[in-house]
Amino acid sequence: MRGIPDSQIRLTPAWVCRMTLIGLQLNEHEQCIIDEQISLMLRAKQEVQRDKSEVAAESAVAKLTIQDHLREKVSECAGELEGMFDDFVTAGAKMTADWKPIAQIRGMNISPNMVGTIADVWKTKLAEFEQVLEGTDADLQEGYGHLSKNQIKQCVKFIEQVIADCGNYVQIKKVEPKPRAKKAASPEKLASKFKYLREFAELKLTSVAPAQLVGAGEAWLYDVKKRRLIHVMADAHLGTFSVKGSAIVGFDVTQTVQKTLRKPAEQLKEILTGGKPAARKVFKDIKATEIKFNGRGNDNLIILRAW
């Protein structure tokens, strides 16, 4: 019943069930009606689950692979080149430097491995126009009768340019310098501006290096001024948190909380000497109001531990 959506809960049987818990005696007929109402609610839950599973199945089927996306881009590029050829013919079929098929291919950043597909289409088209020039096929002669012989020759030049540009594009991609991979900053550099307190003589506390916060999944901090113990937990999706400037980023805002300590010396000793589960239990048992942590470092913050 807990899994049924609130919109599917029927109030009348719900109130009757409540009344039976505090003493109402139902006769056989009334009990049958309540059982039927409960069955209807449970069936509604099953239908919702079935709908969700069907949607998930449809999504899985409809999900496109990387190859599918590449083919779509190639098809789009081929369509743009066909459009360019149509514009060329409409403009009188005069081959000039203004017609640049390679610019279209480069602009769409087509994978070099897929360019051959485009070239094959235009090779077929080239063979067709060469047949038109030969004049051996009556059907082709009729189909391209609206073009003069000189225009047909210009069309052949355009097609040859497309095929040549496909080959040139592949060669350009081979020698084109790849963008240099950005070097990942070291933990020490990322945490260089994080504000913290190195030592707190009163409780004999020494902070660990802020660099240990980078890539950690859990950490314990202590604000010596406010006597607050802070438990930092990484976001479940990210798995770890990091440091940006003077702030911790990538932590779980709901699970990361702080509590004010009444006996810091005793309570911090328990946190520092135990393992992860023991430290969590100690923190849980501290009877104090949980306060949200904004993630920012300050000059009163001791970094006790970080894993």
Protein backbone atom coordinates (compact mmCIF):
# COMPACT_ATOMS: atom_id res chain seq x y z
CA MET A 1 0.00 0.00 0.00
CA ARG A 2 2.93 2.35 0.69
CA GLY A 3 3.86 2.24 -3.00
CA ILE A 4 0.46 3.48 -4.21
CA PRO A 5 0.49 7.09 -5.51
CA ASP A 6 -1.42 9.55 -3.31
CA SER A 7 -3.76 10.33 -6.21
CA GLN A 8 -4.93 6.68 -6.21
CA ILE A 9 -5.78 6.50 -2.49
CA ARG A 10 -9.55 6.45 -1.92
CA LEU A 11 -10.55 8.42 1.16
CA THR A 12 -13.71 6.52 2.13
CA PRO A 13 -12.13 3.05 2.52
CA ALA A 14 -9.13 4.73 4.16
CA TRP A 15 -11.33 6.29 6.86
CA VAL A 16 -13.25 3.02 7.34
CA CYS A 17 -9.96 1.15 7.84
CA ARG A 18 -8.94 3.77 10.39
CA MET A 19 -12.22 3.34 12.25
CA THR A 20 -11.80 -0.44 12.39
CA LEU A 21 -8.45 0.09 14.11
CA ILE A 22 -10.17 2.02 16.91
CA GLY A 23 -13.09 -0.36 17.41
CA LEU A 24 -15.58 -0.29 14.50
CA GLN A 25 -17.01 -3.77 13.79
CA LEU A 26 -17.73 -4.42 10.07
CA ASN A 27 -20.32 -6.94 8.93
CA GLU A 28 -19.54 -9.40 6.14
CA HIS A 29 -21.01 -7.25 3.38
CA GLU A 30 -19.10 -4.14 4.51
CA GLN A 31 -15.85 -6.13 4.77
CA CYS A 32 -16.30 -7.38 1.18
CA ILE A 33 -16.75 -3.81 -0.07
CA ILE A 34 -13.58 -2.65 1.72
CA ASP A 35 -11.59 -5.63 0.36
CA GLU A 36 -12.80 -4.81 -3.14
CA GLN A 37 -11.80 -1.13 -2.76
CA ILE A 38 -8.32 -2.14 -1.56
CA SER A 39 -7.96 -4.52 -4.51
CA LEU A 40 -8.85 -1.71 -6.92
CA MET A 41 -6.16 0.53 -5.40
CA LEU A 42 -3.55 -2.23 -5.63
CA ARG A 43 -4.46 -2.86 -9.27
CA ALA A 44 -3.95 0.85 -10.00
CA LYS A 45 -0.42 0.54 -8.60
CA GLN A 46 0.31 -2.45 -10.86
CA GLU A 47 -0.95 -0.54 -13.91
CA VAL A 48 1.32 2.42 -13.09
CA GLN A 49 4.32 0.07 -12.73
CA ARG A 50 3.43 -1.63 -16.02
CA ASP A 51 3.19 1.74 -17.80
CA LYS A 52 6.59 2.75 -16.43
CA SER A 53 8.18 -0.52 -17.57
CA GLU A 54 6.67 -0.10 -21.04
CA VAL A 55 7.99 3.46 -21.30
CA ALA A 56 11.43 2.29 -20.16
CA ALA A 57 11.39 -0.52 -22.75
CA GLU A 58 10.39 1.91 -25.50
CA SER A 59 13.14 4.33 -24.45
CA ALA A 60 15.72 1.54 -24.53
CA VAL A 61 14.63 0.58 -28.06
CA ALA A 62 14.58 4.19 -29.25
CA LYS A 63 17.99 5.05 -27.79
CA LEU A 64 20.42 5.85 -30.58
CA THR A 65 24.01 4.64 -30.62
CA ILE A 66 27.05 6.75 -31.49
CA GLN A 67 27.11 5.14 -34.93
CA ASP A 68 23.48 6.12 -35.45
CA HIS A 69 24.32 9.76 -34.66
CA LEU A 70 27.28 9.67 -37.07
CA ARG A 71 25.09 8.26 -39.85
CA GLU A 72 22.47 10.94 -39.20
CA LYS A 73 25.11 13.65 -39.53
CA VAL A 74 26.41 12.09 -42.77
CA SER A 75 22.87 11.93 -44.18
CA GLU A 76 22.32 15.56 -43.24
CA CYS A 77 25.59 16.58 -44.91
CA ALA A 78 24.69 14.59 -48.05
CA GLY A 79 21.35 16.40 -48.15
CA GLU A 80 23.07 19.79 -47.87
CA LEU A 81 25.40 18.90 -50.76
CA GLU A 82 22.41 17.83 -52.86
CA GLY A 83 20.81 21.18 -52.06
CA MET A 84 24.00 22.95 -53.10
CA PHE A 85 23.98 21.06 -56.42
CA ASP A 86 20.34 22.03 -57.01
CA ASP A 87 21.21 25.68 -56.38
CA PHE A 88 24.15 25.30 -58.77
CA VAL A 89 21.90 23.98 -61.56
CA THR A 90 19.22 26.60 -60.86
CA ALA A 91 21.84 29.36 -61.07
CA GLY A 92 22.71 28.27 -64.63
CA ALA A 93 25.27 25.54 -63.91
CA LYS A 94 28.35 27.75 -64.12
CA MET A 95 31.27 26.33 -62.13
CA THR A 96 33.06 29.07 -60.15
CA ALA A 97 35.19 29.31 -57.01
CA ASP A 98 32.07 30.29 -55.04
CA TRP A 99 30.90 26.66 -54.96
CA LYS A 100 32.86 24.99 -52.14
CA PRO A 101 31.60 21.52 -51.19
CA ILE A 102 34.53 21.00 -48.80
CA ALA A 103 33.40 23.99 -46.73
CA GLN A 104 30.07 22.24 -46.14
CA ILE A 105 31.79 18.99 -45.11
CA ARG A 106 34.24 20.73 -42.79
CA GLY A 107 31.54 22.90 -41.30
CA MET A 108 29.62 19.82 -40.16
CA ASN A 109 32.80 18.09 -38.93
CA ILE A 110 31.96 14.76 -40.57
CA SER A 111 33.91 11.72 -39.37
CA PRO A 112 36.61 10.91 -41.98
CA ASN A 113 35.62 7.24 -41.81
CA MET A 114 32.10 8.11 -43.00
CA VAL A 115 33.03 10.49 -45.85
CA GLY A 116 33.39 7.55 -48.24
CA THR A 117 29.62 7.06 -48.04
CA ILE A 118 29.07 10.54 -49.46
CA ALA A 119 31.72 10.04 -52.18
CA ASP A 120 30.08 6.78 -53.32
CA VAL A 121 26.75 8.55 -53.90
CA TRP A 122 28.42 11.20 -56.04
CA LYS A 123 30.42 8.62 -57.99
CA THR A 124 27.12 7.03 -59.01
CA LYS A 125 25.82 10.46 -60.01
CA LEU A 126 29.01 11.09 -62.01
CA ALA A 127 28.55 7.86 -63.97
CA GLU A 128 24.98 8.93 -64.79
CA PHE A 129 26.02 12.37 -66.11
CA GLU A 130 28.84 10.81 -68.16
CA GLN A 131 26.22 8.62 -69.79
CA VAL A 132 24.20 11.73 -70.59
CA LEU A 133 27.25 13.21 -72.35
CA GLU A 134 27.74 10.01 -74.34
CA GLY A 135 24.10 10.16 -75.48
CA THR A 136 23.60 6.38 -75.43
CA ASP A 137 20.60 6.29 -73.07
CA ALA A 138 17.37 7.73 -74.46
CA ASP A 139 15.70 7.94 -71.05
CA LEU A 140 18.57 9.95 -69.59
CA GLN A 141 18.59 12.21 -72.64
CA GLU A 142 14.94 12.96 -72.08
CA GLY A 143 15.35 13.41 -68.32
CA TYR A 144 18.17 15.97 -68.68
CA GLY A 145 16.85 17.52 -71.87
CA HIS A 146 16.37 20.87 -70.11
CA LEU A 147 20.17 21.23 -69.75
CA SER A 148 22.53 22.14 -72.58
CA LYS A 149 25.59 20.04 -73.32
CA ASN A 150 27.83 22.72 -71.82
CA GLN A 151 25.72 22.77 -68.65
CA ILE A 152 26.02 18.99 -68.40
CA LYS A 153 29.80 19.36 -68.60
CA GLN A 154 29.69 21.97 -65.84
CA CYS A 155 27.61 19.57 -63.72
CA VAL A 156 30.27 16.90 -64.24
CA LYS A 157 32.92 19.36 -63.01
CA PHE A 158 30.83 20.10 -59.92
CA ILE A 159 30.39 16.40 -59.15
CA GLU A 160 34.11 15.74 -59.66
CA GLN A 161 34.81 18.60 -57.25
CA VAL A 162 32.58 17.01 -54.58
CA ILE A 163 34.38 13.64 -54.95
CA ALA A 164 37.79 15.34 -54.86
CA ASP A 165 36.80 17.38 -51.79
CA CYS A 166 35.77 14.20 -49.98
CA GLY A 167 39.29 12.85 -50.50
CA ASN A 168 40.89 16.17 -49.59
CA TYR A 169 38.86 16.35 -46.38
CA VAL A 170 40.16 12.95 -45.26
CA GLN A 171 43.76 14.06 -45.91
CA ILE A 172 43.22 17.33 -44.05
CA LYS A 173 41.85 15.46 -41.04
CA LYS A 174 44.92 13.20 -40.99
CA VAL A 175 47.37 16.11 -40.71
CA GLU A 176 45.13 18.47 -38.73
CA PRO A 177 46.67 18.97 -35.28
CA LYS A 178 44.55 17.58 -32.48
CA PRO A 179 43.68 19.98 -29.66
CA ARG A 180 46.08 19.63 -26.79
CA ALA A 181 44.56 17.86 -23.83
CA LYS A 182 44.21 20.17 -20.86
CA LYS A 183 46.54 19.10 -18.11
CA ALA A 184 44.67 18.28 -14.93
CA ALA A 185 45.58 20.55 -12.04
CA SER A 186 47.23 18.87 -9.07
CA PRO A 187 45.34 18.59 -5.75
CA GLU A 188 47.88 20.95 -4.19
CA LYS A 189 47.15 23.62 -6.80
CA LEU A 190 43.37 23.21 -6.54
CA ALA A 191 43.49 23.58 -2.75
CA SER A 192 46.15 26.31 -2.65
CA LYS A 193 43.63 29.07 -1.81
CA PHE A 194 41.53 27.10 0.68
CA LYS A 195 41.38 28.92 4.02
CA TYR A 196 42.02 26.81 7.10
CA LEU A 197 43.76 26.81 10.51
CA ARG A 198 47.03 24.85 10.63
CA GLU A 199 47.12 24.28 14.41
CA PHE A 200 44.94 24.77 17.47
CA ALA A 201 47.16 24.50 20.53
CA GLU A 202 44.32 24.56 23.07
CA LEU A 203 43.06 21.13 21.96
CA LYS A 204 46.37 20.01 20.42
CA LEU A 205 44.83 19.77 16.96
CA THR A 206 46.84 19.81 13.75
CA SER A 207 45.15 20.16 10.38
CA VAL A 208 45.84 17.78 7.50
CA ALA A 209 46.77 19.35 4.15
CA PRO A 210 43.80 20.82 2.22
CA ALA A 211 44.96 18.85 -0.82
CA GLN A 212 43.54 15.73 0.87
CA LEU A 213 40.04 17.18 0.39
CA VAL A 214 40.44 16.89 -3.40
CA GLY A 215 39.04 13.55 -4.52
CA ALA A 216 37.87 12.58 -1.03
CA GLY A 217 34.44 11.10 -0.35
CA GLU A 218 34.18 12.03 3.33
CA ALA A 219 35.84 14.54 5.65
CA TRP A 220 35.69 15.85 9.22
CA LEU A 221 36.25 19.56 9.92
CA TYR A 222 36.18 21.52 13.18
CA ASP A 223 35.44 25.23 13.60
CA VAL A 224 37.44 26.20 16.72
CA LYS A 225 35.64 29.53 17.15
CA LYS A 226 32.07 28.19 17.03
CA ARG A 227 32.98 24.74 18.45
CA ARG A 228 31.23 23.08 15.52
CA LEU A 229 32.10 19.64 14.19
CA ILE A 230 31.38 19.36 10.46
CA HIS A 231 30.79 16.07 8.64
CA VAL A 232 31.26 16.48 4.86
CA MET A 233 29.83 13.80 2.54
CA ALA A 234 30.35 13.65 -1.23
CA ASP A 235 27.41 13.86 -3.61
CA ALA A 236 26.19 10.32 -4.39
CA HIS A 237 26.33 10.88 -8.15
CA LEU A 238 29.83 12.41 -8.17
CA GLY A 239 31.35 10.05 -5.60
CA THR A 240 33.97 12.59 -4.47
CA PHE A 241 34.22 16.30 -3.73
CA SER A 242 36.91 18.82 -4.61
CA VAL A 243 38.09 22.34 -3.80
CA LYS A 244 37.54 25.49 -5.83
CA GLY A 245 39.07 28.66 -4.46
CA SER A 246 38.25 28.67 -0.75
CA ALA A 247 35.25 26.37 -0.95
CA ILE A 248 34.53 22.65 -1.05
CA VAL A 249 32.45 21.73 -4.10
CA GLY A 250 30.62 18.54 -5.04
CA PHE A 251 29.40 17.67 -1.53
CA ASP A 252 25.93 16.43 -0.60
CA VAL A 253 24.03 19.44 0.74
CA THR A 254 21.54 17.29 2.67
CA GLN A 255 23.97 14.86 4.34
CA THR A 256 26.69 17.42 5.05
CA VAL A 257 25.85 18.95 8.44
CA GLN A 258 27.54 20.44 11.51
CA LYS A 259 26.86 20.17 15.24
CA THR A 260 27.98 22.31 18.16
CA LEU A 261 30.10 20.34 20.67
CA ARG A 262 29.70 20.69 24.43
CA LYS A 263 32.85 18.74 25.31
CA PRO A 264 35.14 19.21 22.26
CA ALA A 265 38.22 17.54 23.79
CA GLU A 266 36.44 14.25 24.50
CA GLN A 267 34.22 14.17 21.41
CA LEU A 268 36.99 15.06 18.95
CA LYS A 269 39.23 12.37 20.42
CA GLU A 270 36.56 9.78 19.59
CA ILE A 271 36.30 11.10 16.02
CA LEU A 272 40.06 11.02 15.50
CA THR A 273 40.75 7.59 16.97
CA GLY A 274 37.94 5.56 15.35
CA GLY A 275 37.37 4.44 11.78
CA LYS A 276 34.69 5.71 9.43
CA PRO A 277 31.72 3.78 10.91
CA ALA A 278 32.76 4.58 14.48
CA ALA A 279 33.16 8.28 13.71
CA ARG A 280 29.73 8.40 12.08
CA LYS A 281 28.15 6.73 15.11
CA VAL A 282 29.80 9.20 17.49
CA PHE A 283 28.54 12.09 15.38
CA LYS A 284 25.04 10.64 15.22
CA ASP A 285 24.90 10.26 19.00
CA ILE A 286 25.83 13.90 19.61
CA LYS A 287 22.68 15.58 20.92
CA ALA A 288 22.75 18.90 19.13
CA THR A 289 20.86 20.69 16.38
CA GLU A 290 22.07 19.85 12.88
CA ILE A 291 23.10 22.94 10.91
CA LYS A 292 23.70 23.07 7.15
CA PHE A 293 27.26 23.71 5.95
CA ASN A 294 27.91 26.13 3.07
CA GLY A 295 31.22 24.52 2.11
CA ARG A 296 33.39 27.62 2.58
CA GLY A 297 36.70 27.49 4.40
CA ASN A 298 37.82 30.07 6.98
CA ASP A 299 40.74 30.89 9.26
CA ASN A 300 39.15 29.01 12.19
CA LEU A 301 38.69 25.69 10.38
CA ILE A 302 40.77 22.63 11.26
CA ILE A 303 40.74 19.81 8.71
CA LEU A 304 40.69 16.80 11.02
CA ARG A 305 40.43 13.90 8.54
CA ALA A 306 39.70 13.28 4.85
CA TRP A 307 39.32 9.99 3.02
